[in-house]
């Protein structure tokens, strides 16, 4: 420890502020010290307030970390039976159970309004976020080649749902069978316009 640091630590004790010993900010000059150790008007942001504005990032974190939940439940302690992801419904049920804890208004398997003589069932709807989630489970290599076309067909119907401002296509591809994930996502994501309806498509491929 340098002599300067020793002198500073002795000074903090004399001032009755031993909790500020080894404070790096004290050696950065007056303006940086104020910025690092206090609230300077116009130069700070209280991060907790971001949770009250746009909660969509919480959903993004759930979708991003979902594979960790799957891994945890696959090998459980005390010889408890594993929760296996073997088909699309397994992905939907586990994901919905997590989403529901954070967004109580979330709904499971909601039908769209009639479009072209029929309706389509959406896996998860979150009205408070104006988000709908469509889940795809990639079964095999043959299915991997046509899952993009399946999603495009779904997009033609889902736009009529009153809460579809954003549509998230959540593709569970545990065997990494989707060829060229980058272009798969690039081809599907973006703004979609159908008549008077406009909605944004986001694509997540996991794990």
Foldseek 3Di string as FASTA:
>chain_A
DDPVLVVVCVVCVVVVNNVCRPPPLVPVDDVSSCLVPHDDPPNDDDVVVVCVPAVVVVVVVLLVCVVVVQVDQQDDPPPDHGQDDDAQVSVLVVSCVVVCVVQVQKDAFDWAPDDPRHIDTFGIARQVNLETEHEAEQNDLVSLVCVLVVVVVVVVHPQRHPSAQEYEYEYEDPPPNNPPVPVSQVVRFAWDDDPPTIHTYGYHYYD
